[in-house]
């Protein structure tokens, strides 16, 4: 199997035992996803996305025909239960091996570092948060597996099936003369001379499709090509979104899409895309200072209390540079206190993500009992057990969405 790994954090290291091949029959392969973590610490969700265009799905920025998924929501796999499924196999060309391609995506709130991945079916759309993924190419027949050393000399000519490796010399030459009449199927290799001349007269009636080669005189009428009665609707810019998928028990705490919360001059520049907890995002708690195509600089402002009082702590995780995400935290944050950060933007989307946690003793009345988000270990939280925590995930535009405001 060939693996393309998206992650560099411990929970997301690829283990060779994760995908197990149970059965191969050329056109289909049956695999199982094994538990390579621990019984007490499994990912909250594991989904498998099956690519229906096989090996073309991994030819990034080459001649592949893009991402085509059997199910754009993916299939949930019960790692400790029914973890076996079958995948259809494809050939890149006539003599290429039969292969299957899948994406495995795990999602867990504790994932830090590389905490988001491109959607396997919509790579230019919004990323999947708190996730890691692997793209895996699976052989569908034993001939595609590693074999012993090749034979010392070529096999006899000709073989009934193509050889596993290219032959050192070309096969026998093509025929010396053209065939007497057209064959029902094209010859396997080109002939040394052209075929006989085109027909001397036009066909008797209109052909349903163009002739294989030009006639010496015009045909009696046009070919019979059907036309649509009305034009098709204009193509959409990108695939339509699937309904928002439930992502496990965390949905009970609130996992929805929200309206814009950006500045009055352009609210669409900041979107609250996820909220775990019950306390509303404070107005102007994040403000844009500057935007360009590579980075966006924002201020995080403590808007949850008056300047004379404080919250226990806050934490903020963001993409600091191309290679890593970082999480920072501050204790006893007073009202109107400001923290300025610069976030690296996603190259294709021209947007940045900011994860923001507010933690406070529930007795202070700022947060409530339903604010039960979890601060990941990579932020090094030190709050006592029972501290209320609410989490926000913000999508921030690196180039303003509103005309006339750029620069």
Protein backbone atom coordinates (compact mmCIF):
# COMPACT_ATOMS: atom_id res chain seq x y z
CA UNK A 1 0.00 0.00 0.00
CA UNK A 2 1.08 3.56 -0.70
CA UNK A 3 0.23 6.20 1.89
CA UNK A 4 0.12 9.99 1.63
CA UNK A 5 0.21 11.27 5.23
CA UNK A 6 -1.18 14.73 6.08
CA UNK A 7 0.01 14.99 9.66
CA UNK A 8 3.01 15.29 11.94
CA UNK A 9 1.47 14.77 15.38
CA UNK A 10 1.47 11.68 17.55
CA UNK A 11 -2.17 10.66 17.28
CA UNK A 12 -1.91 10.96 13.50
CA UNK A 13 1.20 8.93 12.79
CA UNK A 14 0.38 6.27 10.22
CA UNK A 15 0.71 2.71 11.45
CA UNK A 16 1.18 -0.04 8.84
CA UNK A 17 -1.39 -2.18 10.67
CA UNK A 18 -4.17 0.42 10.32
CA UNK A 19 -5.44 -0.94 6.97
CA UNK A 20 -5.67 -4.70 6.59
CA UNK A 21 -6.38 -6.41 3.24
CA UNK A 22 -8.76 -9.33 3.78
CA UNK A 23 -9.62 -10.33 0.19
CA UNK A 24 -8.60 -9.36 -3.36
CA UNK A 25 -10.41 -10.33 -6.56
CA UNK A 26 -9.10 -7.78 -9.12
CA UNK A 27 -12.26 -5.68 -9.46
CA UNK A 28 -12.85 -5.32 -5.73
CA UNK A 29 -10.79 -5.44 -2.56
CA UNK A 30 -12.08 -6.01 0.97
CA UNK A 31 -10.24 -4.22 3.76
CA UNK A 32 -10.62 -3.59 7.49
CA UNK A 33 -9.57 -0.60 9.59
CA UNK A 34 -7.79 -1.78 12.73
CA UNK A 35 -7.45 -0.04 16.09
CA UNK A 36 -3.85 1.18 16.17
CA UNK A 37 -4.52 3.57 19.05
CA UNK A 38 -5.67 2.34 22.50
CA UNK A 39 -8.98 1.06 23.78
CA UNK A 40 -9.23 3.99 26.21
CA UNK A 41 -8.23 6.69 23.73
CA UNK A 42 -9.85 6.30 20.31
CA UNK A 43 -10.55 9.13 17.85
CA UNK A 44 -14.04 10.56 18.31
CA UNK A 45 -14.82 9.80 14.66
CA UNK A 46 -13.19 7.83 11.84
CA UNK A 47 -14.55 8.19 8.32
CA UNK A 48 -13.54 6.51 5.06
CA UNK A 49 -13.99 8.30 1.72
CA UNK A 50 -13.93 5.99 -1.32
CA UNK A 51 -12.68 7.48 -4.60
CA UNK A 52 -14.62 6.31 -7.65
CA UNK A 53 -11.91 7.38 -10.11
CA UNK A 54 -9.19 5.26 -8.57
CA UNK A 55 -5.57 6.22 -9.06
CA UNK A 56 -6.52 9.51 -10.75
CA UNK A 57 -7.56 10.79 -7.34
CA UNK A 58 -3.94 11.05 -6.19
CA UNK A 59 -2.51 12.73 -9.28
CA UNK A 60 -2.46 16.19 -7.67
CA UNK A 61 -2.01 19.02 -10.18
CA UNK A 62 -1.29 16.53 -12.97
CA UNK A 63 -3.55 14.92 -15.56
CA UNK A 64 -5.92 13.22 -13.14
CA UNK A 65 -9.61 14.05 -13.40
CA UNK A 66 -9.88 15.33 -9.86
CA UNK A 67 -11.63 14.12 -6.76
CA UNK A 68 -14.71 11.94 -7.23
CA UNK A 69 -16.20 10.40 -4.08
CA UNK A 70 -18.72 7.61 -3.71
CA UNK A 71 -20.17 9.37 -0.66
CA UNK A 72 -19.22 13.00 -0.02
CA UNK A 73 -20.04 12.65 3.71
CA UNK A 74 -17.81 9.59 4.06
CA UNK A 75 -18.70 6.33 5.82
CA UNK A 76 -18.33 6.08 9.59
CA UNK A 77 -16.25 3.08 10.65
CA UNK A 78 -16.69 1.39 14.03
CA UNK A 79 -13.05 0.58 14.79
CA UNK A 80 -13.95 -1.95 17.48
CA UNK A 81 -17.04 -3.33 15.75
CA UNK A 82 -17.96 -3.68 12.07
CA UNK A 83 -14.70 -2.40 10.63
CA UNK A 84 -14.69 -4.27 7.28
CA UNK A 85 -15.83 -2.87 3.92
CA UNK A 86 -15.28 -3.39 0.17
CA UNK A 87 -13.82 -0.93 -2.33
CA UNK A 88 -14.12 -0.93 -6.13
CA UNK A 89 -10.85 -1.14 -8.10
CA UNK A 90 -9.75 0.76 -11.22
CA UNK A 91 -7.01 0.71 -13.85
CA UNK A 92 -5.11 3.81 -14.89
CA UNK A 93 -4.61 2.25 -18.36
CA UNK A 94 -5.19 -1.07 -20.14
CA UNK A 95 -2.06 -2.77 -18.84
CA UNK A 96 -1.80 -0.96 -15.50
CA UNK A 97 -2.46 -2.80 -12.21
CA UNK A 98 -5.90 -2.75 -10.59
CA UNK A 99 -5.86 -0.36 -7.62
CA UNK A 100 -8.28 1.21 -5.15
CA UNK A 101 -7.92 4.61 -3.45
CA UNK A 102 -9.42 5.67 -0.10
CA UNK A 103 -9.03 8.59 2.28
CA UNK A 104 -9.14 7.91 6.03
CA UNK A 105 -10.06 10.95 8.16
CA UNK A 106 -10.00 10.94 11.96
CA UNK A 107 -11.58 13.80 13.90
CA UNK A 108 -10.97 14.51 17.58
CA UNK A 109 -11.04 17.75 19.57
CA UNK A 110 -7.70 16.91 21.18
CA UNK A 111 -5.82 16.93 17.87
CA UNK A 112 -3.34 19.81 17.87
CA UNK A 113 -0.58 20.98 15.57
CA UNK A 114 -1.90 20.10 12.10
CA UNK A 115 -5.47 20.36 13.29
CA UNK A 116 -7.32 20.63 9.98
CA UNK A 117 -7.26 18.83 6.63
CA UNK A 118 -8.71 19.41 3.19
CA UNK A 119 -12.02 17.71 2.49
CA UNK A 120 -11.27 14.63 0.33
CA UNK A 121 -14.12 15.41 -2.08
CA UNK A 122 -13.98 19.24 -2.06
CA UNK A 123 -10.28 20.14 -1.60
CA UNK A 124 -10.90 23.82 -2.35
CA UNK A 125 -13.78 24.09 0.11
CA UNK A 126 -13.63 24.66 3.88
CA UNK A 127 -11.25 22.28 5.71
CA UNK A 128 -12.31 19.63 8.21
CA UNK A 129 -11.33 20.91 11.65
CA UNK A 130 -9.56 18.98 14.43
CA UNK A 131 -8.63 16.22 12.00
CA UNK A 132 -5.86 14.22 10.35
CA UNK A 133 -6.06 12.23 7.13
CA UNK A 134 -4.26 9.68 4.99
CA UNK A 135 -4.71 8.87 1.29
CA UNK A 136 -4.08 5.16 0.71
CA UNK A 137 -3.60 3.24 -2.58
CA UNK A 138 -4.57 -0.43 -2.17
CA UNK A 139 -3.57 -3.23 -4.59
CA UNK A 140 -6.47 -5.35 -5.84
CA UNK A 141 -4.54 -8.40 -7.03
CA UNK A 142 -1.50 -10.40 -5.99
CA UNK A 143 0.33 -9.37 -9.18
CA UNK A 144 0.43 -5.80 -7.84
CA UNK A 145 2.21 -6.86 -4.67
CA UNK A 146 5.97 -7.09 -4.29
CA UNK A 147 7.40 -10.15 -6.07
CA UNK A 148 10.68 -12.00 -6.24
CA UNK A 149 13.55 -10.88 -8.47
CA UNK A 150 12.75 -10.79 -12.23
CA UNK A 151 13.77 -13.74 -14.44
CA UNK A 152 17.22 -13.68 -16.03
CA UNK A 153 15.83 -13.76 -19.59
CA UNK A 154 12.58 -12.66 -21.27
CA UNK A 155 9.65 -15.01 -21.66
CA UNK A 156 8.85 -16.59 -25.04
CA UNK A 157 7.12 -14.50 -27.71
CA UNK A 158 4.31 -13.71 -27.75
CA UNK A 159 2.78 -14.08 -24.26
CA UNK A 160 -0.98 -14.55 -23.89
CA UNK A 161 -1.16 -11.72 -21.37
CA UNK A 162 0.97 -8.62 -20.92
CA UNK A 163 4.12 -9.20 -18.88
CA UNK A 164 4.40 -7.70 -15.42
CA UNK A 165 7.35 -5.56 -16.52
CA UNK A 166 8.21 -4.01 -19.93
CA UNK A 167 9.98 -6.37 -22.35
CA UNK A 168 13.56 -5.43 -23.29
CA UNK A 169 12.73 -5.42 -27.02
CA UNK A 170 9.64 -4.53 -29.08
CA UNK A 171 7.23 -7.25 -30.19
CA UNK A 172 7.15 -8.53 -33.77
CA UNK A 173 6.64 -6.08 -36.61
CA UNK A 174 3.20 -5.12 -37.99
CA UNK A 175 1.73 -6.87 -41.05
CA UNK A 176 3.31 -6.15 -44.43
CA UNK A 177 0.09 -5.29 -46.29
CA UNK A 178 -3.29 -3.85 -45.37
CA UNK A 179 -6.17 -6.23 -44.74
CA UNK A 180 -8.57 -6.91 -47.64
CA UNK A 181 -11.52 -5.26 -45.93
CA UNK A 182 -12.02 -3.31 -42.75
CA UNK A 183 -11.77 -5.38 -39.60
CA UNK A 184 -14.61 -5.12 -37.05
CA UNK A 185 -12.13 -3.91 -34.46
CA UNK A 186 -8.93 -1.87 -34.81
CA UNK A 187 -5.71 -3.84 -35.17
CA UNK A 188 -3.52 -4.17 -32.14
CA UNK A 189 -0.68 -2.22 -33.72
CA UNK A 190 -0.46 0.13 -36.75
CA UNK A 191 -0.21 -1.30 -40.29
CA UNK A 192 2.78 -0.47 -42.49
CA UNK A 193 0.58 1.04 -45.25
CA UNK A 194 -2.65 3.04 -45.21
CA UNK A 195 -5.98 1.26 -45.59
CA UNK A 196 -7.84 1.26 -48.93
CA UNK A 197 -9.32 4.46 -50.33
CA UNK A 198 -12.59 5.90 -49.03
CA UNK A 199 -15.89 4.83 -50.57
CA UNK A 200 -16.52 5.96 -54.16
CA UNK A 201 -20.10 7.12 -53.55
CA UNK A 202 -21.92 8.75 -50.69
CA UNK A 203 -23.92 6.56 -48.35
CA UNK A 204 -27.55 5.85 -49.29
CA UNK A 205 -29.13 7.51 -46.30
CA UNK A 206 -28.13 9.78 -43.51
CA UNK A 207 -25.70 8.16 -41.10
CA UNK A 208 -26.41 8.36 -37.41
CA UNK A 209 -22.88 9.50 -36.74
CA UNK A 210 -19.92 10.74 -38.82
CA UNK A 211 -18.27 8.18 -41.08
CA UNK A 212 -14.96 6.70 -40.00
CA UNK A 213 -13.10 8.45 -42.85
CA UNK A 214 -14.04 11.16 -45.43
CA UNK A 215 -16.12 10.22 -48.52
CA UNK A 216 -15.14 11.27 -52.05
CA UNK A 217 -18.40 13.24 -52.47
CA UNK A 218 -20.64 15.05 -50.01
CA UNK A 219 -23.29 12.97 -48.23
CA UNK A 220 -26.93 13.46 -49.23
CA UNK A 221 -27.85 15.15 -45.98
CA UNK A 222 -26.57 16.06 -42.59
CA UNK A 223 -25.80 13.45 -40.00
CA UNK A 224 -28.56 12.69 -37.55
CA UNK A 225 -27.39 14.48 -34.43
CA UNK A 226 -29.95 15.13 -31.75
CA UNK A 227 -30.16 18.52 -30.15
CA UNK A 228 -31.56 19.43 -26.80
CA UNK A 229 -34.85 21.27 -26.79
CA UNK A 230 -33.62 23.84 -24.30
CA UNK A 231 -30.16 24.86 -23.18
CA UNK A 232 -28.83 23.40 -19.97
CA UNK A 233 -28.64 25.58 -16.90
CA UNK A 234 -25.34 27.37 -16.32
CA UNK A 235 -22.76 25.24 -14.50
CA UNK A 236 -22.28 25.82 -10.81
CA UNK A 237 -18.98 27.30 -9.68
CA UNK A 238 -18.27 24.39 -7.36
CA UNK A 239 -20.07 21.31 -6.00
CA UNK A 240 -23.05 22.02 -3.81
CA UNK A 241 -22.61 21.38 -0.11
CA UNK A 242 -23.89 18.23 1.46
CA UNK A 243 -26.11 18.59 4.51
CA UNK A 244 -24.10 19.33 7.66
CA UNK A 245 -23.02 15.99 9.08
CA UNK A 246 -23.33 15.18 12.75
CA UNK A 247 -19.90 14.58 14.22
CA UNK A 248 -20.61 12.46 17.28
CA UNK A 249 -21.63 13.28 20.84
CA UNK A 250 -20.01 16.72 20.68
CA UNK A 251 -22.98 17.88 18.59
CA UNK A 252 -25.14 17.97 21.72
CA UNK A 253 -23.03 20.90 22.92
CA UNK A 254 -23.69 22.95 19.80
CA UNK A 255 -21.93 22.49 16.45
CA UNK A 256 -23.61 24.70 13.87
CA UNK A 257 -22.91 27.36 11.26
CA UNK A 258 -23.45 30.95 12.38
CA UNK A 259 -23.96 34.33 10.66
CA UNK A 260 -21.09 36.80 10.10
CA UNK A 261 -19.69 38.54 13.20
CA UNK A 262 -17.09 40.78 11.59
CA UNK A 263 -16.78 44.59 11.69
CA UNK A 264 -19.75 46.75 10.76
CA UNK A 265 -18.03 47.85 7.54
CA UNK A 266 -17.77 44.20 6.39
CA UNK A 267 -19.32 41.55 8.68
CA UNK A 268 -18.43 38.74 6.23
CA UNK A 269 -14.73 39.17 7.02
CA UNK A 270 -15.15 37.16 10.26
CA UNK A 271 -17.40 34.10 10.49
CA UNK A 272 -18.11 31.98 13.56
CA UNK A 273 -18.06 28.52 11.98
CA UNK A 274 -18.19 26.41 15.13
CA UNK A 275 -19.14 26.87 18.79
CA UNK A 276 -18.82 24.29 21.55
CA UNK A 277 -20.68 25.54 24.61
CA UNK A 278 -23.59 27.86 25.39
CA UNK A 279 -22.20 31.37 26.01
CA UNK A 280 -22.52 33.63 22.98
CA UNK A 281 -19.41 35.03 21.32
CA UNK A 282 -18.81 38.52 22.73
CA UNK A 283 -19.26 41.36 20.24
CA UNK A 284 -15.90 42.67 18.92
CA UNK A 285 -13.92 40.07 20.87
CA UNK A 286 -11.82 39.61 17.70
CA UNK A 287 -10.94 42.62 15.53
CA UNK A 288 -9.05 42.72 12.22
CA UNK A 289 -6.03 45.04 12.22
CA UNK A 290 -4.61 44.30 8.75
CA UNK A 291 -5.18 41.89 5.85
CA UNK A 292 -3.13 40.69 2.90
CA UNK A 293 -3.08 37.54 0.78
CA UNK A 294 -0.50 35.79 3.00
CA UNK A 295 -1.42 36.76 6.59
CA UNK A 296 -4.06 38.50 8.64
CA UNK A 297 -3.36 40.37 11.91
CA UNK A 298 -6.10 40.50 14.55
CA UNK A 299 -6.63 41.66 18.12
CA UNK A 300 -8.26 39.34 20.66
CA UNK A 301 -10.08 41.55 23.18
CA UNK A 302 -11.45 40.49 26.56
CA UNK A 303 -15.07 41.60 26.17
CA UNK A 304 -16.63 39.22 28.71
CA UNK A 305 -16.21 41.41 31.83
CA UNK A 306 -15.70 45.03 32.82
CA UNK A 307 -12.11 46.31 32.98
CA UNK A 308 -12.17 46.01 36.78
CA UNK A 309 -12.75 42.23 36.76
CA UNK A 310 -11.20 39.28 34.98
CA UNK A 311 -11.80 35.78 33.60
CA UNK A 312 -9.71 32.84 34.78
CA UNK A 313 -7.94 32.36 31.42
CA UNK A 314 -8.19 32.29 27.66
CA UNK A 315 -6.39 30.24 25.02
CA UNK A 316 -5.91 30.81 21.30
CA UNK A 317 -4.57 28.40 18.68
CA UNK A 318 -3.69 29.43 15.14
CA UNK A 319 -1.43 28.74 12.17
CA UNK A 320 1.71 30.70 13.04
CA UNK A 321 3.58 29.80 9.85
CA UNK A 322 3.39 27.37 6.95
CA UNK A 323 4.73 24.48 9.02
CA UNK A 324 3.00 24.58 12.39
CA UNK A 325 0.04 25.58 14.52
CA UNK A 326 0.68 27.08 17.94
CA UNK A 327 -1.49 27.39 21.04
CA UNK A 328 -0.95 30.05 23.70
CA UNK A 329 -2.77 30.97 26.91
CA UNK A 330 -2.98 33.80 29.45
CA UNK A 331 -4.15 33.70 33.08
CA UNK A 332 -6.35 36.25 34.87
CA UNK A 333 -7.30 38.24 31.79
CA UNK A 334 -8.97 41.56 32.69
CA UNK A 335 -11.70 43.28 30.70
CA UNK A 336 -10.50 45.14 27.57
CA UNK A 337 -7.11 43.40 27.75
CA UNK A 338 -5.77 42.91 24.20
CA UNK A 339 -3.60 40.24 22.58
CA UNK A 340 -2.41 40.88 19.00
CA UNK A 341 -1.52 37.91 16.76
CA UNK A 342 -0.68 37.37 13.08
CA UNK A 343 -2.14 34.25 11.43
CA UNK A 344 -0.84 32.48 8.33
CA UNK A 345 -3.50 32.23 5.60
CA UNK A 346 -4.49 29.17 3.57
CA UNK A 347 -2.99 29.69 0.12
CA UNK A 348 -6.00 28.51 -1.92
CA UNK A 349 -8.82 29.96 0.19
CA UNK A 350 -7.20 33.25 1.27
CA UNK A 351 -8.59 32.75 4.76
CA UNK A 352 -7.26 31.91 8.23
CA UNK A 353 -8.63 29.93 11.18
CA UNK A 354 -8.52 30.92 14.83
CA UNK A 355 -9.54 28.58 17.67
CA UNK A 356 -10.41 30.52 20.84
CA UNK A 357 -11.25 29.17 24.32
CA UNK A 358 -12.61 31.17 27.28
CA UNK A 359 -12.34 29.53 30.72
CA UNK A 360 -13.78 30.82 34.00
CA UNK A 361 -15.06 29.65 37.35
CA UNK A 362 -18.77 29.06 36.89
CA UNK A 363 -19.53 30.90 40.13
CA UNK A 364 -18.47 34.21 38.51
CA UNK A 365 -21.52 34.10 36.26
CA UNK A 366 -19.65 34.75 33.00
CA UNK A 367 -19.99 31.19 31.67
CA UNK A 368 -22.66 28.58 32.39
CA UNK A 369 -22.99 24.87 33.16
CA UNK A 370 -23.40 24.03 29.45
CA UNK A 371 -20.01 25.53 28.62
CA UNK A 372 -18.20 22.19 28.72
CA UNK A 373 -15.65 22.40 25.91
CA UNK A 374 -12.22 20.79 26.29
CA UNK A 375 -8.95 22.70 26.06
CA UNK A 376 -6.44 20.46 24.19
CA UNK A 377 -3.29 19.28 25.94
CA UNK A 378 -1.05 21.14 23.49
CA UNK A 379 -2.30 24.41 25.05
CA UNK A 380 -1.01 23.21 28.47
CA UNK A 381 -4.18 24.10 30.43
CA UNK A 382 -3.96 24.24 34.24
CA UNK A 383 -7.55 25.07 35.24
CA UNK A 384 -9.06 22.96 38.04
CA UNK A 385 -11.59 20.29 37.15
CA UNK A 386 -15.08 21.72 36.79
CA UNK A 387 -13.98 25.05 35.29
CA UNK A 388 -16.47 26.17 32.64
CA UNK A 389 -14.99 26.40 29.13
CA UNK A 390 -16.52 27.60 25.87
CA UNK A 391 -14.82 27.28 22.47
CA UNK A 392 -15.18 29.29 19.24
CA UNK A 393 -13.70 28.58 15.82
CA UNK A 394 -13.46 31.67 13.62
CA UNK A 395 -12.86 31.90 9.88
CA UNK A 396 -11.11 35.19 9.10
CA UNK A 397 -10.72 36.52 5.56
CA UNK A 398 -7.21 37.48 4.48
CA UNK A 399 -8.65 39.66 1.73
CA UNK A 400 -11.80 41.60 2.52
CA UNK A 401 -15.06 40.27 1.10
CA UNK A 402 -16.42 43.79 0.63
CA UNK A 403 -15.62 45.82 -2.47
CA UNK A 404 -13.88 49.16 -2.03
CA UNK A 405 -12.28 48.17 1.29
CA UNK A 406 -9.21 46.32 0.06
CA UNK A 407 -5.85 47.83 0.97
